Amino acid sequence: MNKRTRFVILLAVLAVCFAFLWPSISWYYGTPKEMKALALGSLQSIKDYATVKASDDVKTFTDAARKDPNAQLDESYGWIKKIVARNYKNMGAKVPSPLTKSAVLNAFSSEQEFREAVQARYRDAILKAKKQYQNSVKLGLDLSGGMNIIVKADLDAAVKNQEGADTAESSATLKANAMQQAIDSLSSRIDRFGLTSPVIRQQGEDRIYIEIPGAAEADAINTIIMGKGILNFRLVDDAATQAFNNYYLQNPGNVFASDGTLLDASVIPADCEVLGLYQNDDYGLEDRIGWLAVKKEIALDGRHIKSAEVGSSNLTNRPEVDFVLDGDGAVIFGEFTSAHVGERLAIVNDNRIRSAATINDAITGGRVAITGFNLEEAQTLQKVLQTAWLSVPLSVESQQVIGASLGQKAKRMGIIAVLVGLGAIMFFMLVYYKGAGVNACVAQILNLYIMFSVLSAFNMTITLSSIAGMILTIGMAVDANVIIFERIKEELSDGKGRTAAIAAGFRNAFWAIMDSNITTFIAAMFLSQLGSGAIQGFAVSLAIGVVSSVFTALFVSHLMFDFNTDVFRKNTVSISWRVK
């Protein structure tokens, strides 16, 4: 491979690494502190902030437009010009020139539409920053503070609950589905309670690792994790729903007591209760879109659901949710639907209505299809149904809380350790190997650059154990350079010239370096797969470091030697005080 090709490869690697690292650079150095605080908040807090800011901005804007109809549009609202132009085009009208605040308001059908446009501006900016954070290198709890919890899922009990059911699924498949259901259920609960940027992932076969950055009440977290959702099917009372909606319009702020019950119980029949109908909004949060009065009597309990999946209708090809009932459930559901054809049936989970579909025909045989959704809504309902059909007992196995001040101290000491280690090695290489030491120093810096880029590319978390792996990698990387330099010195001592000595030195050192690094890489991979927690973090950073150090020592360092030979026309090698 000629030098030009190697140089192009090096530039390509550096460019790809920069692209991987860019989200981390943008987040840590290009995102304002206030935006970071907003992006790290829960989706609910982002929604609340965007709603309040949009309301304030719209009020200020409309007041200014009423006060002076000819007031010019501020530069801060330059972003809205495209929306205004599109709206005027849809109305078949030309955009007024100059564009005034009154003209902007006239481009929207209502003040609410204008408010939604402003709110979308705030929402998109914060969610963009949040995505940037999710794609960046993150600090572990031992460096930033927070709480970590390991939850054990009793998969054997989940499988046992399905014994006797008419299912062709194997035990392994049931366990895999149960584990995924437990993770989805925990994610839903934690997101609903507005906790800051939680990390939830499977650890081993039957454990779930949860990280919650920042300060959090341990008791409240345990309540959220150990909480159990209840799913059932209930009949919708349309007459009672209409009566409640009429009452609600007349008394919007004085309807419910603190416990959620109606202040005036006479509004609906005694055998009914009012529950909210929820859908996911633009933030991915459950948003109440209305109220329905449902019968208190449960038509079918969720424990009868065996499986649930998203399919498509044979008639319309639109998404639908298909679920299968066990033997008892099929009989109960068949009798119930036969008696209530034409009425609506609500799916209730955690006292929230997820769906309300009309019973078109008697449903017998235990296979049920619910239509009327887009794909995202169907997937959401399928997850809700899964929570019911595969009950997974959970227990908190361990819990650790790390204070923010302790995390900051650990982060500071970790950075100092890396810098001191790197600085000491670079100083030694420069003193002992003179000019060749410069190559080693550049290789060390590029080694860390590549390591951080890979960590950022895979959204990995830096912990104290990861830093330990980096420090070890620094020592191992310089070891490869030492082997190469000593080989070159031997070739020079045998009377070879610069070019021949460098080529022979790298060639003779190649397998010694590869053998040692391959064995280390194998050990690191085993640790990353079999270990957990701190051991896994150490192993992953070590494995990445091994690959990057081999590349920088054998490829980059060699290219730098050749560059000095061809560009600076050097005939000797500055590699030792004893070798000229």
Protein backbone atom coordinates (compact mmCIF):
# COMPACT_ATOMS: atom_id res chain seq x y z
CA MET A 1 0.00 0.00 0.00
CA ASN A 2 1.54 3.31 -1.07
CA LYS A 3 1.85 6.32 1.23
CA ARG A 4 -0.86 8.35 -0.50
CA THR A 5 -3.43 5.59 -0.03
CA ARG A 6 -2.47 5.22 3.64
CA PHE A 7 -2.78 8.98 4.11
CA VAL A 8 -6.26 8.97 2.53
CA ILE A 9 -7.30 6.08 4.80
CA LEU A 10 -6.05 7.99 7.85
CA LEU A 11 -7.99 11.11 6.84
CA ALA A 12 -11.11 9.00 6.25
CA VAL A 13 -10.81 7.39 9.70
CA LEU A 14 -10.33 10.79 11.35
CA ALA A 15 -13.33 12.22 9.47
CA VAL A 16 -15.59 9.31 10.45
CA CYS A 17 -14.43 9.59 14.06
CA PHE A 18 -15.21 13.32 14.04
CA ALA A 19 -18.71 12.58 12.75
CA PHE A 20 -19.17 10.07 15.59
CA LEU A 21 -17.84 12.56 18.13
CA TRP A 22 -19.79 15.57 16.85
CA PRO A 23 -22.97 14.96 18.92
CA SER A 24 -20.85 14.86 22.09
CA ILE A 25 -18.97 18.03 21.12
CA SER A 26 -22.24 19.79 20.29
CA TRP A 27 -23.86 18.69 23.55
CA TYR A 28 -21.04 19.46 25.97
CA TYR A 29 -19.59 22.56 24.29
CA GLY A 30 -22.24 23.92 21.91
CA THR A 31 -25.45 23.62 23.92
CA PRO A 32 -26.34 26.46 26.33
CA LYS A 33 -26.66 25.54 30.00
CA GLU A 34 -30.37 26.45 30.09
CA MET A 35 -31.10 24.25 27.05
CA LYS A 36 -29.20 21.36 28.67
CA ALA A 37 -31.36 21.62 31.78
CA LEU A 38 -34.52 21.56 29.65
CA ALA A 39 -33.36 18.66 27.46
CA LEU A 40 -32.41 16.56 30.49
CA GLY A 41 -35.90 16.97 31.91
CA SER A 42 -38.74 14.53 31.43
CA LEU A 43 -41.04 14.73 28.42
CA GLN A 44 -43.76 16.05 30.70
CA SER A 45 -41.56 18.90 31.94
CA ILE A 46 -40.62 19.74 28.33
CA LYS A 47 -44.29 19.85 27.40
CA ASP A 48 -45.13 22.08 30.38
CA TYR A 49 -42.28 24.49 29.55
CA ALA A 50 -43.19 24.71 25.85
CA THR A 51 -46.86 25.26 26.68
CA VAL A 52 -46.18 28.08 29.14
CA LYS A 53 -43.61 29.82 26.91
CA ALA A 54 -45.91 29.59 23.88
CA SER A 55 -48.83 31.06 25.82
CA ASP A 56 -46.69 33.96 27.07
CA ASP A 57 -45.26 34.66 23.60
CA VAL A 58 -48.66 34.55 21.91
CA LYS A 59 -50.15 36.93 24.47
CA THR A 60 -47.28 39.39 24.01
CA PHE A 61 -47.50 39.08 20.22
CA THR A 62 -51.28 39.54 19.98
CA ASP A 63 -51.25 42.47 22.43
CA ALA A 64 -48.62 44.20 20.30
CA ALA A 65 -50.61 43.53 17.10
CA ARG A 66 -53.80 44.98 18.60
CA LYS A 67 -51.96 48.01 19.93
CA ASP A 68 -50.32 48.74 16.57
CA PRO A 69 -51.79 46.81 13.59
CA ASN A 70 -48.91 48.02 11.38
CA ALA A 71 -46.15 46.85 13.74
CA GLN A 72 -43.39 45.11 11.78
CA LEU A 73 -42.48 41.48 12.47
CA ASP A 74 -39.50 41.14 14.80
CA GLU A 75 -36.35 39.33 13.62
CA SER A 76 -36.86 36.81 16.42
CA TYR A 77 -39.96 35.61 14.55
CA GLY A 78 -38.16 35.12 11.24
CA TRP A 79 -38.73 31.36 11.54
CA ILE A 80 -42.49 31.82 11.19
CA LYS A 81 -42.32 33.38 7.70
CA LYS A 82 -42.31 29.96 5.98
CA ILE A 83 -45.39 28.87 7.93
CA VAL A 84 -47.16 32.15 7.14
CA ALA A 85 -46.32 31.84 3.43
CA ARG A 86 -47.64 28.26 3.35
CA ASN A 87 -50.88 29.23 5.11
CA TYR A 88 -51.52 32.16 2.76
CA LYS A 89 -50.86 29.86 -0.21
CA ASN A 90 -53.40 27.36 1.13
CA MET A 91 -55.91 30.21 1.43
CA GLY A 92 -55.21 31.25 -2.18
CA ALA A 93 -53.91 34.66 -1.14
CA LYS A 94 -50.62 36.54 -1.49
CA VAL A 95 -48.38 37.22 1.49
CA PRO A 96 -48.72 40.91 2.47
CA SER A 97 -45.62 43.05 2.07
CA PRO A 98 -44.30 44.32 4.38
CA LEU A 99 -45.24 41.50 6.73
CA THR A 100 -46.83 42.93 9.88
CA LYS A 101 -47.80 41.22 13.11
CA SER A 102 -51.47 41.56 12.19
CA ALA A 103 -50.79 39.87 8.85
CA VAL A 104 -49.10 36.99 10.69
CA LEU A 105 -52.16 36.51 12.91
CA ASN A 106 -54.43 36.57 9.85
CA ALA A 107 -52.46 33.63 8.42
CA PHE A 108 -53.82 31.38 11.17
CA SER A 109 -57.42 30.27 11.50
CA SER A 110 -57.40 30.83 15.25
CA GLU A 111 -55.21 31.97 18.11
CA GLN A 112 -54.94 28.32 19.16
CA GLU A 113 -53.38 27.38 15.81
CA PHE A 114 -50.85 30.20 16.21
CA ARG A 115 -50.10 29.02 19.75
CA GLU A 116 -49.51 25.46 18.51
CA ALA A 117 -47.02 26.73 15.92
CA VAL A 118 -45.08 28.65 18.57
CA GLN A 119 -45.21 25.69 20.94
CA ALA A 120 -43.89 23.39 18.20
CA ARG A 121 -40.93 25.77 17.81
CA TYR A 122 -39.96 25.37 21.48
CA ARG A 123 -40.73 21.65 21.49
CA ASP A 124 -38.65 20.85 18.41
CA ALA A 125 -35.65 22.82 19.70
CA ILE A 126 -35.64 21.04 23.08
CA LEU A 127 -36.28 17.58 21.60
CA LYS A 128 -33.44 18.17 19.13
CA ALA A 129 -31.12 18.92 22.05
CA LYS A 130 -32.45 15.85 23.86
CA LYS A 131 -31.66 13.67 20.85
CA GLN A 132 -28.19 15.22 20.77
CA TYR A 133 -27.71 14.17 24.39
CA GLN A 134 -28.93 10.65 23.64
CA ASN A 135 -26.35 10.35 20.83
CA SER A 136 -23.47 11.67 22.94
CA VAL A 137 -21.04 10.08 25.37
CA LYS A 138 -22.70 10.02 28.78
CA LEU A 139 -21.25 10.04 32.26
CA GLY A 140 -22.13 7.16 34.54
CA LEU A 141 -23.73 7.67 37.92
CA ASP A 142 -20.37 7.27 39.66
CA LEU A 143 -19.25 10.43 37.81
CA SER A 144 -22.49 12.45 37.77
CA GLY A 145 -24.51 11.26 40.77
CA GLY A 146 -27.91 9.61 40.89
CA MET A 147 -29.46 6.23 41.63
CA ASN A 148 -29.00 2.80 40.13
CA ILE A 149 -31.29 -0.14 40.74
CA ILE A 150 -31.09 -3.78 39.70
CA VAL A 151 -34.50 -5.41 39.38
CA LYS A 152 -34.89 -9.18 39.19
CA ALA A 153 -37.66 -10.54 36.97
CA ASP A 154 -39.09 -13.91 38.01
CA LEU A 155 -39.27 -15.38 34.51
CA ASP A 156 -40.01 -18.89 35.77
CA ALA A 157 -43.15 -17.58 37.46
CA ALA A 158 -44.15 -15.78 34.25
CA VAL A 159 -43.84 -19.03 32.31
CA LYS A 160 -45.68 -20.95 35.03
CA ASN A 161 -48.60 -18.52 34.73
CA GLN A 162 -49.00 -19.72 31.14
CA GLU A 163 -49.04 -23.43 31.98
CA GLY A 164 -52.17 -25.09 30.70
CA ALA A 165 -52.76 -22.33 28.16
CA ASP A 166 -53.23 -23.27 24.53
CA THR A 167 -49.93 -21.90 23.27
CA ALA A 168 -47.28 -23.24 20.93
CA GLU A 169 -44.61 -20.93 22.29
CA SER A 170 -41.54 -22.51 23.87
CA SER A 171 -40.36 -21.71 27.37
CA ALA A 172 -37.41 -19.74 25.98
CA THR A 173 -39.70 -17.63 23.78
CA LEU A 174 -42.06 -16.96 26.68
CA LYS A 175 -39.14 -15.87 28.86
CA ALA A 176 -37.80 -13.55 26.16
CA ASN A 177 -41.25 -12.01 25.68
CA ALA A 178 -41.70 -11.71 29.44
CA MET A 179 -38.38 -9.90 29.81
CA GLN A 180 -39.18 -7.47 27.01
CA GLN A 181 -42.63 -6.86 28.48
CA ALA A 182 -41.10 -6.12 31.89
CA ILE A 183 -38.66 -3.61 30.36
CA ASP A 184 -41.44 -1.93 28.35
CA SER A 185 -43.66 -1.78 31.42
CA LEU A 186 -40.93 -0.22 33.58
CA SER A 187 -40.08 2.29 30.84
CA SER A 188 -43.73 3.32 30.61
CA ARG A 189 -44.09 3.74 34.38
CA ILE A 190 -40.86 5.70 34.81
CA ASP A 191 -41.61 7.99 31.84
CA ARG A 192 -45.10 8.65 33.16
CA PHE A 193 -43.74 9.87 36.49
CA GLY A 194 -41.43 12.37 34.78
CA LEU A 195 -38.03 11.11 35.92
CA THR A 196 -34.97 12.64 34.26
CA SER A 197 -33.42 10.75 31.30
CA PRO A 198 -33.56 7.23 32.80
CA VAL A 199 -31.47 4.38 31.40
CA ILE A 200 -33.22 1.00 31.35
CA ARG A 201 -31.54 -2.07 29.89
CA GLN A 202 -31.42 -5.82 30.30
CA GLN A 203 -28.54 -7.20 32.32
CA GLY A 204 -27.92 -10.91 32.01
CA GLU A 205 -30.85 -13.25 31.50
CA ASP A 206 -33.31 -12.12 34.16
CA ARG A 207 -32.20 -8.76 35.52
CA ILE A 208 -33.00 -5.18 34.55
CA TYR A 209 -30.54 -2.37 35.22
CA ILE A 210 -32.03 1.08 35.82
CA GLU A 211 -30.10 4.36 36.08
CA ILE A 212 -31.83 7.55 37.19
CA PRO A 213 -29.52 10.61 37.11
CA GLY A 214 -29.87 13.40 39.65
CA ALA A 215 -31.67 13.44 42.98
CA ALA A 216 -34.62 11.10 43.38
CA GLU A 217 -36.62 9.76 46.32
CA ALA A 218 -35.77 6.09 46.80
CA ASP A 219 -39.21 5.22 48.22
CA ALA A 220 -40.99 6.93 45.33
CA ILE A 221 -38.83 5.09 42.80
CA ASN A 222 -39.53 1.74 44.45
CA THR A 223 -43.25 2.46 44.36
CA ILE A 224 -43.07 3.20 40.64
CA ILE A 225 -41.02 0.09 39.87
CA MET A 226 -43.05 -2.32 41.97
CA GLY A 227 -46.40 -0.89 40.90
CA LYS A 228 -48.57 -3.28 38.90
CA GLY A 229 -50.97 -2.21 36.17
CA ILE A 230 -54.49 -3.66 36.01
CA LEU A 231 -56.10 -4.15 32.60
CA ASN A 232 -59.72 -5.03 31.91
CA PHE A 233 -62.53 -4.56 29.40
CA ARG A 234 -65.63 -2.54 30.30
CA LEU A 235 -68.77 -1.45 28.50
CA VAL A 236 -69.13 2.23 27.55
CA ASP A 237 -72.42 3.88 28.56
CA ASP A 238 -72.97 6.41 25.74
CA ALA A 239 -76.00 8.03 27.41
CA ALA A 240 -74.07 8.55 30.65
CA THR A 241 -71.09 9.87 28.65
CA GLN A 242 -73.29 12.46 26.93
CA ALA A 243 -74.81 13.50 30.27
CA PHE A 244 -71.37 13.93 31.81
CA ASN A 245 -69.99 15.90 28.84
CA ASN A 246 -72.93 18.32 29.04
CA TYR A 247 -72.36 18.73 32.76
CA TYR A 248 -68.60 19.17 32.23
CA LEU A 249 -69.13 21.98 29.70
CA GLN A 250 -71.28 23.85 32.21
CA ASN A 251 -68.93 23.23 35.18
CA PRO A 252 -65.40 22.85 33.73
CA GLY A 253 -63.48 23.63 36.92
CA ASN A 254 -65.69 22.08 39.56
CA VAL A 255 -66.33 18.45 38.58
CA PHE A 256 -63.93 16.08 40.34
CA ALA A 257 -62.91 15.64 43.96
CA SER A 258 -59.25 15.16 44.93
CA ASP A 259 -59.63 11.35 44.74
CA GLY A 260 -60.94 11.52 41.17
CA THR A 261 -64.60 10.86 41.97
CA LEU A 262 -67.42 13.13 40.80
CA LEU A 263 -68.46 15.87 43.20
CA ASP A 264 -72.04 15.41 42.00
CA ALA A 265 -72.56 11.64 41.80
CA SER A 266 -76.07 12.07 40.38
CA VAL A 267 -74.68 13.17 36.99
CA ILE A 268 -74.23 9.55 35.90
CA PRO A 269 -75.85 6.25 36.97
CA ALA A 270 -74.53 4.59 40.11
CA ASP A 271 -73.18 1.61 38.17
CA CYS A 272 -70.90 3.86 36.06
CA GLU A 273 -67.71 5.85 36.57
CA VAL A 274 -65.99 8.48 34.44
CA LEU A 275 -62.47 7.79 33.14
CA GLY A 276 -60.20 9.69 30.78
CA LEU A 277 -59.55 8.53 27.20
CA TYR A 278 -55.82 8.80 26.43
CA GLN A 279 -53.65 8.90 23.32
CA ASN A 280 -49.94 9.64 22.83
CA ASP A 281 -49.25 13.26 21.85
CA ASP A 282 -46.38 14.85 19.89
CA TYR A 283 -44.11 14.45 22.93
CA GLY A 284 -44.78 10.72 23.22
CA LEU A 285 -46.77 11.36 26.40
CA GLU A 286 -50.23 10.10 27.25
CA ASP A 287 -52.60 12.99 26.63
CA ARG A 288 -56.24 12.96 27.71
CA ILE A 289 -58.43 13.65 24.67
CA GLY A 290 -61.81 13.22 26.32
CA TRP A 291 -63.95 11.50 28.94
CA LEU A 292 -66.04 8.34 28.78
CA ALA A 293 -68.50 6.90 31.27
CA VAL A 294 -67.92 3.15 31.63
CA LYS A 295 -69.66 0.44 33.62
CA LYS A 296 -68.00 -0.44 36.91
CA GLU A 297 -68.64 -4.10 36.21
CA ILE A 298 -65.69 -5.74 34.45
CA ALA A 299 -66.67 -7.56 31.27
CA LEU A 300 -63.34 -9.39 30.91
CA ASP A 301 -60.16 -9.42 33.00
CA GLY A 302 -56.84 -8.88 31.23
CA ARG A 303 -55.35 -12.08 32.65
CA HIS A 304 -57.30 -14.01 30.00
CA ILE A 305 -55.17 -12.47 27.22
CA LYS A 306 -52.58 -14.97 25.96
CA SER A 307 -50.85 -12.96 23.24
CA ALA A 308 -51.12 -9.69 21.35
CA GLU A 309 -49.61 -8.48 18.09
CA VAL A 310 -49.96 -5.77 15.45
CA GLY A 311 -51.37 -6.94 12.12
CA SER A 312 -53.20 -5.47 9.15
CA SER A 313 -56.85 -5.73 8.12
CA ASN A 314 -57.60 -8.01 5.17
CA LEU A 315 -60.25 -5.56 3.95
CA THR A 316 -58.59 -2.16 4.36
CA ASN A 317 -54.92 -3.15 4.83
CA ARG A 318 -54.82 -0.69 7.74
CA PRO A 319 -53.11 -1.55 11.05
CA GLU A 320 -55.08 -3.52 13.61
CA VAL A 321 -54.35 -5.07 16.99
CA ASP A 322 -54.98 -8.82 17.22
CA PHE A 323 -55.07 -10.63 20.54
CA VAL A 324 -55.87 -14.18 21.58
CA LEU A 325 -57.86 -15.23 24.66
CA ASP A 326 -57.54 -18.42 26.69
CA GLY A 327 -60.38 -20.96 26.83
CA ASP A 328 -62.30 -19.33 29.69
CA GLY A 329 -61.77 -15.86 28.25
CA ALA A 330 -63.07 -16.93 24.84
CA VAL A 331 -66.33 -18.20 26.38
CA ILE A 332 -66.82 -15.07 28.54
CA PHE A 333 -66.00 -12.70 25.68
CA GLY A 334 -68.21 -14.58 23.22
CA GLU A 335 -71.25 -14.42 25.52
CA PHE A 336 -70.64 -10.76 26.37
CA THR A 337 -70.19 -9.53 22.79
CA SER A 338 -73.25 -11.51 21.66
CA ALA A 339 -75.35 -9.58 24.18
CA HIS A 340 -73.90 -6.13 23.37
CA VAL A 341 -73.58 -5.90 19.57
CA GLY A 342 -73.53 -2.25 18.47
CA GLU A 343 -72.22 -0.96 21.81
CA ARG A 344 -68.71 0.26 22.59
CA LEU A 345 -66.18 -1.70 24.64
CA ALA A 346 -63.37 0.15 26.43
CA ILE A 347 -59.89 -1.21 27.23
CA VAL A 348 -59.00 0.17 30.67
CA ASN A 349 -55.45 0.10 32.04
CA ASP A 350 -54.39 1.82 35.28
CA ASN A 351 -57.79 3.60 35.33
CA ARG A 352 -57.06 5.09 31.92
CA ILE A 353 -59.03 4.20 28.81
CA ARG A 354 -56.63 3.20 26.01
CA SER A 355 -59.22 2.39 23.36
CA ALA A 356 -62.99 2.26 22.87
CA ALA A 357 -64.14 0.21 19.88
CA THR A 358 -67.64 -0.70 18.69
CA ILE A 359 -68.71 -4.35 18.90
CA ASN A 360 -69.80 -5.06 15.32
CA ASP A 361 -70.55 -8.77 15.74
CA ALA A 362 -70.40 -11.47 18.36
CA ILE A 363 -66.74 -12.47 18.81
CA THR A 364 -66.38 -16.17 19.46
CA GLY A 365 -63.37 -18.47 19.19
CA GLY A 366 -61.07 -16.31 21.30
CA ARG A 367 -59.42 -14.32 18.48
CA VAL A 368 -60.14 -10.58 18.62
CA ALA A 369 -59.20 -7.82 16.15
CA ILE A 370 -59.44 -4.12 17.03
CA THR A 371 -59.25 -1.63 14.15
CA GLY A 372 -59.28 2.14 13.68
CA PHE A 373 -55.63 2.96 14.45
CA ASN A 374 -52.56 4.25 12.72
CA LEU A 375 -49.42 2.11 13.11
CA GLU A 376 -48.04 4.02 16.12
CA GLU A 377 -51.36 3.84 17.99
CA ALA A 378 -51.65 0.11 17.23
CA GLN A 379 -48.14 -0.54 18.57
CA THR A 380 -48.93 1.39 21.75
CA LEU A 381 -52.13 -0.60 22.38
CA GLN A 382 -50.32 -3.87 21.69
CA LYS A 383 -47.79 -3.05 24.43
CA VAL A 384 -50.64 -2.27 26.83
CA LEU A 385 -52.24 -5.64 26.13
CA GLN A 386 -48.90 -7.41 26.53
CA THR A 387 -48.59 -5.97 30.03
CA ALA A 388 -51.74 -7.84 30.95
CA TRP A 389 -51.17 -11.21 29.32
CA LEU A 390 -47.65 -11.86 30.59
CA SER A 391 -47.45 -11.00 34.27
CA VAL A 392 -43.82 -10.80 35.44
CA PRO A 393 -43.16 -10.60 39.20
CA LEU A 394 -40.42 -8.02 39.88
CA SER A 395 -38.23 -7.54 42.95
CA VAL A 396 -35.56 -4.95 43.74
CA GLU A 397 -32.29 -6.85 44.15
CA SER A 398 -29.96 -3.93 44.86
CA GLN A 399 -30.14 -0.16 45.06
CA GLN A 400 -27.38 2.45 45.27
CA VAL A 401 -27.59 6.22 45.61
CA ILE A 402 -24.58 8.39 44.70
CA GLY A 403 -24.58 12.05 45.71
CA ALA A 404 -23.95 14.70 43.07
CA SER A 405 -20.95 16.15 44.94
CA LEU A 406 -19.33 12.71 45.20
CA GLY A 407 -19.90 12.19 41.49
CA GLN A 408 -18.30 15.54 40.62
CA LYS A 409 -15.27 14.70 42.75
CA ALA A 410 -14.92 11.30 41.07
CA LYS A 411 -15.18 12.94 37.64
CA ARG A 412 -12.50 15.49 38.50
CA MET A 413 -10.15 12.83 39.86
CA GLY A 414 -10.76 10.62 36.81
CA ILE A 415 -9.86 13.43 34.40
CA ILE A 416 -6.74 14.22 36.42
CA ALA A 417 -5.73 10.54 36.37
CA VAL A 418 -6.03 10.33 32.58
CA LEU A 419 -4.16 13.60 31.99
CA VAL A 420 -1.38 12.81 34.46
CA GLY A 421 -0.95 9.31 33.05
CA LEU A 422 -0.90 10.58 29.47
CA GLY A 423 1.42 13.46 30.34
CA ALA A 424 3.90 11.26 32.21
CA ILE A 425 4.10 8.74 29.36
CA MET A 426 4.48 11.46 26.73
CA PHE A 427 7.25 13.11 28.76
CA PHE A 428 9.12 9.80 29.07
CA MET A 429 8.79 9.02 25.36
CA LEU A 430 10.04 12.47 24.35
CA VAL A 431 13.03 12.31 26.71
CA TYR A 432 14.03 8.70 26.02
CA TYR A 433 13.22 8.37 22.30
CA LYS A 434 13.77 11.99 21.23
CA GLY A 435 12.23 12.65 17.77
CA ALA A 436 10.58 9.24 17.53
CA GLY A 437 8.86 10.05 20.80
CA VAL A 438 6.88 12.73 18.95
CA ASN A 439 5.37 9.98 16.79
CA ALA A 440 4.41 8.06 19.93
CA CYS A 441 2.80 11.17 21.48
CA VAL A 442 0.73 11.85 18.36
CA ALA A 443 -0.31 8.19 18.28
CA GLN A 444 -1.39 8.39 21.94
CA ILE A 445 -3.54 11.47 21.32
CA LEU A 446 -5.15 9.89 18.25
CA ASN A 447 -5.70 6.72 20.26
CA LEU A 448 -7.79 8.59 22.85
CA TYR A 449 -9.57 10.49 20.06
CA ILE A 450 -10.62 7.25 18.37
CA MET A 451 -11.66 5.68 21.68
CA PHE A 452 -13.96 8.59 22.57
CA SER A 453 -15.37 8.57 19.03
CA VAL A 454 -16.32 4.90 19.24
CA LEU A 455 -17.86 5.42 22.69
CA SER A 456 -19.91 8.27 21.25
CA ALA A 457 -20.93 6.27 18.16
CA PHE A 458 -22.45 3.51 20.28
CA ASN A 459 -23.93 5.89 22.90
CA MET A 460 -21.85 4.27 25.62
CA THR A 461 -21.47 5.53 29.16
CA ILE A 462 -18.16 6.57 30.70
CA THR A 463 -17.71 5.32 34.26
CA LEU A 464 -14.76 5.13 36.64
CA SER A 465 -14.11 1.60 35.42
CA SER A 466 -14.12 2.88 31.82
CA ILE A 467 -11.51 5.46 32.77
CA ALA A 468 -9.43 2.68 34.33
CA GLY A 469 -9.62 0.83 31.01
CA MET A 470 -8.48 3.97 29.18
CA ILE A 471 -5.49 4.45 31.48
CA LEU A 472 -4.47 0.82 30.97
CA THR A 473 -4.88 1.28 27.22
CA ILE A 474 -2.54 4.28 27.28
CA GLY A 475 0.16 2.11 28.84
CA MET A 476 -0.45 -0.75 26.41
CA ALA A 477 -0.45 1.59 23.41
CA VAL A 478 2.94 3.04 24.31
CA ASP A 479 4.23 -0.49 24.86
CA ALA A 480 3.61 -1.19 21.16
CA ASN A 481 5.61 1.91 20.24
CA VAL A 482 8.45 0.84 22.53
CA ILE A 483 8.65 -2.57 20.81
CA ILE A 484 8.74 -0.89 17.39
CA PHE A 485 11.36 1.67 18.40
CA GLU A 486 13.64 -0.96 19.95
CA ARG A 487 13.40 -3.04 16.78
CA ILE A 488 14.33 0.01 14.69
CA LYS A 489 17.30 0.68 16.98
CA GLU A 490 18.51 -2.89 16.46
CA GLU A 491 18.29 -2.49 12.69
CA LEU A 492 20.19 0.81 12.85
CA SER A 493 22.88 -0.85 14.98
CA ASP A 494 23.28 -3.45 12.21
CA GLY A 495 24.20 -0.65 9.83
CA LYS A 496 20.96 -0.24 7.91
CA GLY A 497 19.82 3.16 6.64
CA ARG A 498 16.75 5.08 7.81
CA THR A 499 14.25 3.69 5.28
CA ALA A 500 15.39 0.07 5.56
CA ALA A 501 15.64 0.19 9.37
CA ILE A 502 12.13 1.62 9.76
CA ALA A 503 10.61 -0.93 7.35
CA ALA A 504 12.39 -3.84 9.04
CA GLY A 505 11.57 -2.55 12.51
CA PHE A 506 7.83 -2.40 11.85
CA ARG A 507 7.89 -5.74 10.01
CA ASN A 508 9.72 -7.57 12.79
CA ALA A 509 7.60 -5.99 15.55
CA PHE A 510 4.27 -6.70 13.85
CA TRP A 511 3.54 -10.19 15.18
CA ALA A 512 4.86 -9.49 18.65
CA ILE A 513 2.40 -6.58 18.90
CA MET A 514 -0.48 -8.48 17.32
CA ASP A 515 -0.04 -11.56 19.54
CA SER A 516 -0.13 -9.57 22.76
CA ASN A 517 -3.05 -7.38 21.69
CA ILE A 518 -5.14 -10.25 20.28
CA THR A 519 -4.92 -12.15 23.57
CA THR A 520 -5.82 -8.99 25.49
CA PHE A 521 -8.76 -8.33 23.13
CA ILE A 522 -10.08 -11.88 23.60
CA ALA A 523 -9.90 -11.50 27.38
CA ALA A 524 -11.67 -8.12 27.16
CA MET A 525 -14.46 -9.57 25.01
CA PHE A 526 -15.04 -12.42 27.45
CA LEU A 527 -15.17 -9.94 30.34
CA SER A 528 -17.63 -7.70 28.48
CA GLN A 529 -19.97 -10.64 27.81
CA LEU A 530 -19.70 -12.47 31.12
CA GLY A 531 -19.11 -9.54 33.46
CA SER A 532 -21.54 -6.89 34.59
CA GLY A 533 -21.51 -3.34 35.89
CA ALA A 534 -18.02 -2.02 36.55
CA ILE A 535 -16.29 -5.07 35.04
CA GLN A 536 -18.23 -4.69 31.80
CA GLY A 537 -17.41 -0.98 31.52
CA PHE A 538 -13.72 -1.70 32.05
CA ALA A 539 -13.75 -4.52 29.48
CA VAL A 540 -15.53 -2.51 26.77
CA SER A 541 -13.17 0.47 27.02
CA LEU A 542 -10.18 -1.91 27.06
CA ALA A 543 -11.40 -3.74 23.93
CA ILE A 544 -11.93 -0.47 22.06
CA GLY A 545 -8.52 0.76 23.22
CA VAL A 546 -6.75 -2.39 22.04
CA VAL A 547 -8.07 -2.00 18.48
CA SER A 548 -7.36 1.74 18.30
CA SER A 549 -3.85 1.38 19.81
CA VAL A 550 -2.89 -1.27 17.23
CA PHE A 551 -4.10 1.04 14.45
CA THR A 552 -2.23 4.09 15.75
CA ALA A 553 0.99 2.20 16.56
CA LEU A 554 1.31 0.18 13.35
CA PHE A 555 -0.44 2.44 10.84
CA VAL A 556 -0.24 6.05 12.02
CA SER A 557 3.25 5.89 13.51
CA HIS A 558 4.62 4.18 10.39
CA LEU A 559 3.03 6.83 8.17
CA MET A 560 4.64 9.60 10.23
CA PHE A 561 8.09 8.02 9.86
CA ASP A 562 7.58 7.76 6.08
CA PHE A 563 6.31 11.35 5.95
CA ASN A 564 9.49 12.64 7.59
CA THR A 565 11.58 10.56 5.18
CA ASP A 566 9.84 11.72 1.99
CA VAL A 567 8.81 15.29 2.82
CA PHE A 568 11.58 16.49 5.14
CA ARG A 569 14.23 14.32 3.42
CA LYS A 570 15.60 12.96 6.67
CA ASN A 571 18.36 10.37 6.36
CA THR A 572 18.86 9.60 10.05
CA VAL A 573 16.47 8.52 12.80
CA SER A 574 16.21 10.55 16.02
CA ILE A 575 15.33 7.62 18.24
CA SER A 576 17.91 7.41 21.04
CA TRP A 577 20.72 9.29 22.71
CA ARG A 578 23.03 6.43 21.73
CA VAL A 579 21.92 6.15 18.09
CA LYS A 580 22.72 8.99 15.72
